[in-house]
C-alpha atoms as a PDB file:
ATOM      1  CA  MET A   1      85.996  79.723  95.692  1.00  0.00           C
ATOM      2  CA  VAL A   2      82.460  80.321  96.923  1.00  0.00           C
ATOM      3  CA  THR A   3      80.125  77.451  96.138  1.00  0.00           C
ATOM      4  CA  ASP A   4      77.005  75.751  97.449  1.00  0.00           C
ATOM      5  CA  GLY A   5      74.726  78.579  96.374  1.00  0.00           C
ATOM      6  CA  ALA A   6      76.538  81.229  98.416  1.00  0.00           C
ATOM      7  CA  LYS A   7      76.207  84.693  96.929  1.00  0.00           C
ATOM      8  CA  GLN A   8      79.447  85.896  95.374  1.00  0.00           C
ATOM      9  CA  LEU A   9      80.504  89.304  96.657  1.00  0.00           C
ATOM     10  CA  ARG A  10      83.120  91.741  95.478  1.00  0.00           C
ATOM     11  CA  ALA A  11      85.748  93.012  97.919  1.00  0.00           C
ATOM     12  CA  LYS A  12      84.001  96.392  98.033  1.00  0.00           C
ATOM     13  CA  ASP A  13      80.714  94.663  98.932  1.00  0.00           C
ATOM     14  CA  ILE A  14      82.376  92.766 101.768  1.00  0.00           C
ATOM     15  CA  LEU A  15      83.833  96.007 103.162  1.00  0.00           C
ATOM     16  CA  THR A  16      80.513  97.824 102.867  1.00  0.00           C
ATOM     17  CA  ASN A  17      78.621  94.924 104.445  1.00  0.00           C
ATOM     18  CA  ALA A  18      81.185  94.710 107.244  1.00  0.00           C
ATOM     19  CA  ALA A  19      80.674  98.408 108.037  1.00  0.00           C
ATOM     20  CA  ASP A  20      76.906  97.900 108.058  1.00  0.00           C
ATOM     21  CA  THR A  21      77.290  94.840 110.297  1.00  0.00           C
ATOM     22  CA  ILE A  22      79.409  96.776 112.796  1.00  0.00           C
ATOM     23  CA  ALA A  23      76.755  99.485 113.022  1.00  0.00           C
ATOM     24  CA  GLU A  24      73.873  97.021 113.236  1.00  0.00           C
ATOM     25  CA  ARG A  25      75.451  94.821 115.885  1.00  0.00           C
ATOM     26  CA  SER A  26      76.337  97.834 117.996  1.00  0.00           C
ATOM     27  CA  THR A  27      72.626  98.470 118.384  1.00  0.00           C
ATOM     28  CA  THR A  28      71.771  94.844 119.203  1.00  0.00           C
ATOM     29  CA  HIS A  29      74.889  93.757 121.138  1.00  0.00           C
ATOM     30  CA  GLY A  30      76.124  97.028 122.611  1.00  0.00           C
ATOM     31  CA  HIS A  31      78.976  99.198 121.424  1.00  0.00           C
ATOM     32  CA  TYR A  32      81.960  97.126 120.341  1.00  0.00           C
ATOM     33  CA  ASP A  33      84.428  99.239 122.359  1.00  0.00           C
ATOM     34  CA  LEU A  34      82.764  98.311 125.622  1.00  0.00           C
ATOM     35  CA  THR A  35      82.149  94.729 124.540  1.00  0.00           C
ATOM     36  CA  MET A  36      85.822  94.226 123.665  1.00  0.00           C
ATOM     37  CA  LEU A  37      86.883  95.950 126.901  1.00  0.00           C
ATOM     38  CA  ARG A  38      84.599  93.750 129.007  1.00  0.00           C
ATOM     39  CA  THR A  39      85.698  90.635 127.153  1.00  0.00           C
ATOM     40  CA  SER A  40      89.368  91.533 127.620  1.00  0.00           C
ATOM     41  CA  LYS A  41      88.817  91.860 131.364  1.00  0.00           C
ATOM     42  CA  LEU A  42      87.031  88.504 131.523  1.00  0.00           C
ATOM     43  CA  TRP A  43      89.718  86.794 129.459  1.00  0.00           C
ATOM     44  CA  SER A  44      92.438  88.442 131.543  1.00  0.00           C
ATOM     45  CA  ASP A  45      90.885  87.124 134.742  1.00  0.00           C
ATOM     46  CA  TYR A  46      90.421  83.656 133.305  1.00  0.00           C
ATOM     47  CA  LEU A  47      93.871  83.405 131.700  1.00  0.00           C
ATOM     48  CA  GLU A  48      95.552  85.190 134.616  1.00  0.00           C
ATOM     49  CA  ARG A  49      97.421  87.551 132.306  1.00  0.00           C
ATOM     50  CA  GLU A  50      96.629  90.884 130.684  1.00  0.00           C
ATOM     51  CA  ILE A  51      94.576  90.755 127.494  1.00  0.00           C
ATOM     52  CA  GLU A  52      93.961  94.007 125.623  1.00  0.00           C
ATOM     53  CA  PRO A  53      90.654  94.833 123.892  1.00  0.00           C
ATOM     54  CA  MET A  54      92.495  94.880 120.544  1.00  0.00           C
ATOM     55  CA  ASP A  55      93.659  91.306 121.234  1.00  0.00           C
ATOM     56  CA  VAL A  56      90.040  90.225 121.685  1.00  0.00           C
ATOM     57  CA  ALA A  57      89.083  91.602 118.272  1.00  0.00           C
ATOM     58  CA  ILE A  58      92.086  89.930 116.630  1.00  0.00           C
ATOM     59  CA  CYS A  59      91.305  86.604 118.304  1.00  0.00           C
ATOM     60  CA  MET A  60      87.701  86.834 117.157  1.00  0.00           C
ATOM     61  CA  ALA A  61      88.953  87.450 113.604  1.00  0.00           C
ATOM     62  CA  LEU A  62      91.151  84.367 113.978  1.00  0.00           C
ATOM     63  CA  VAL A  63      88.069  82.336 114.942  1.00  0.00           C
ATOM     64  CA  LYS A  64      86.515  83.471 111.677  1.00  0.00           C
ATOM     65  CA  LEU A  65      89.708  82.497 109.823  1.00  0.00           C
ATOM     66  CA  ALA A  66      89.506  79.023 111.372  1.00  0.00           C
ATOM     67  CA  ARG A  67      85.931  78.763 110.121  1.00  0.00           C
ATOM     68  CA  VAL A  68      87.031  79.827 106.635  1.00  0.00           C
ATOM     69  CA  MET A  69      89.696  77.119 106.707  1.00  0.00           C
ATOM     70  CA  GLU A  70      87.192  74.493 107.856  1.00  0.00           C
ATOM     71  CA  ALA A  71      84.410  75.487 105.469  1.00  0.00           C
ATOM     72  CA  ARG A  72      86.802  76.135 102.561  1.00  0.00           C
ATOM     73  CA  GLY A  73      85.310  79.598 102.056  1.00  0.00           C
ATOM     74  CA  HIS A  74      81.710  78.514 101.612  1.00  0.00           C
ATOM     75  CA  HIS A  75      80.237  81.137 103.929  1.00  0.00           C
ATOM     76  CA  ASN A  76      80.607  84.817 103.079  1.00  0.00           C
ATOM     77  CA  ASP A  77      79.675  85.816 106.633  1.00  0.00           C
ATOM     78  CA  ASN A  78      83.004  84.450 107.896  1.00  0.00           C
ATOM     79  CA  PHE A  79      84.898  86.821 105.598  1.00  0.00           C
ATOM     80  CA  LEU A  80      82.588  89.698 106.455  1.00  0.00           C
ATOM     81  CA  ASP A  81      82.935  89.134 110.202  1.00  0.00           C
ATOM     82  CA  ALA A  82      86.728  88.753 109.978  1.00  0.00           C
ATOM     83  CA  VAL A  83      87.004  92.064 108.120  1.00  0.00           C
ATOM     84  CA  ALA A  84      84.774  93.710 110.722  1.00  0.00           C
ATOM     85  CA  TYR A  85      86.840  92.344 113.622  1.00  0.00           C
ATOM     86  CA  PHE A  86      90.106  93.469 112.015  1.00  0.00           C
ATOM     87  CA  ALA A  87      88.647  96.942 111.458  1.00  0.00           C
ATOM     88  CA  ILE A  88      87.589  97.084 115.104  1.00  0.00           C
ATOM     89  CA  ALA A  89      91.070  95.894 116.150  1.00  0.00           C
ATOM     90  CA  GLY A  90      92.637  98.688 114.122  1.00  0.00           C
ATOM     91  CA  GLU A  91      90.491 101.270 115.870  1.00  0.00           C
ATOM     92  CA  LEU A  92      91.096  99.774 119.306  1.00  0.00           C
ATOM     93  CA  ALA A  93      94.866  99.716 118.749  1.00  0.00           C
ATOM     94  CA  VAL A  94      94.956 103.505 119.137  1.00  0.00           C
ATOM     95  CA  LYS A  95      91.976 103.957 121.477  1.00  0.00           C
ATOM     96  CA  ASP A  96      92.411 106.162 124.546  1.00  0.00           C
ATOM     97  CA  TRP A  97      90.755 103.977 127.156  1.00  0.00           C
ATOM     98  CA  HIS A  98      90.914 106.793 129.697  1.00  0.00           C
ATOM     99  CA  ASP A  99      88.242 108.664 127.732  1.00  0.00           C
ATOM    100  CA  LEU A 100      85.309 106.330 128.286  1.00  0.00           C
ATOM    101  CA  ASP A 101      82.931 109.308 128.316  1.00  0.00           C
ATOM    102  CA  ALA A 102      83.092 109.122 124.508  1.00  0.00           C
ATOM    103  CA  PHE A 103      80.520 106.321 124.636  1.00  0.00           C
END
């Protein structure tokens, strides 16, 4: 249940807002494909095992899930961000990383 003055959103609103957030953040933070690829390489080096870009997006969604669990759902942005990360993960799961000219 959303409380503490947080705006209640419908599922459709969350999906629409997540799509808008993905587009907006790509302009401010760089394209998510490259960001997830770079992050996967950094995590792979640090953890000394292969991490795929899709794994990065899923792990970021899990961070948002942890925040939902801690905040008991009080912040809509956690749901919105989790949906966005899962959508990105779905796209990255079938991405041809050999075609980086697509950026």
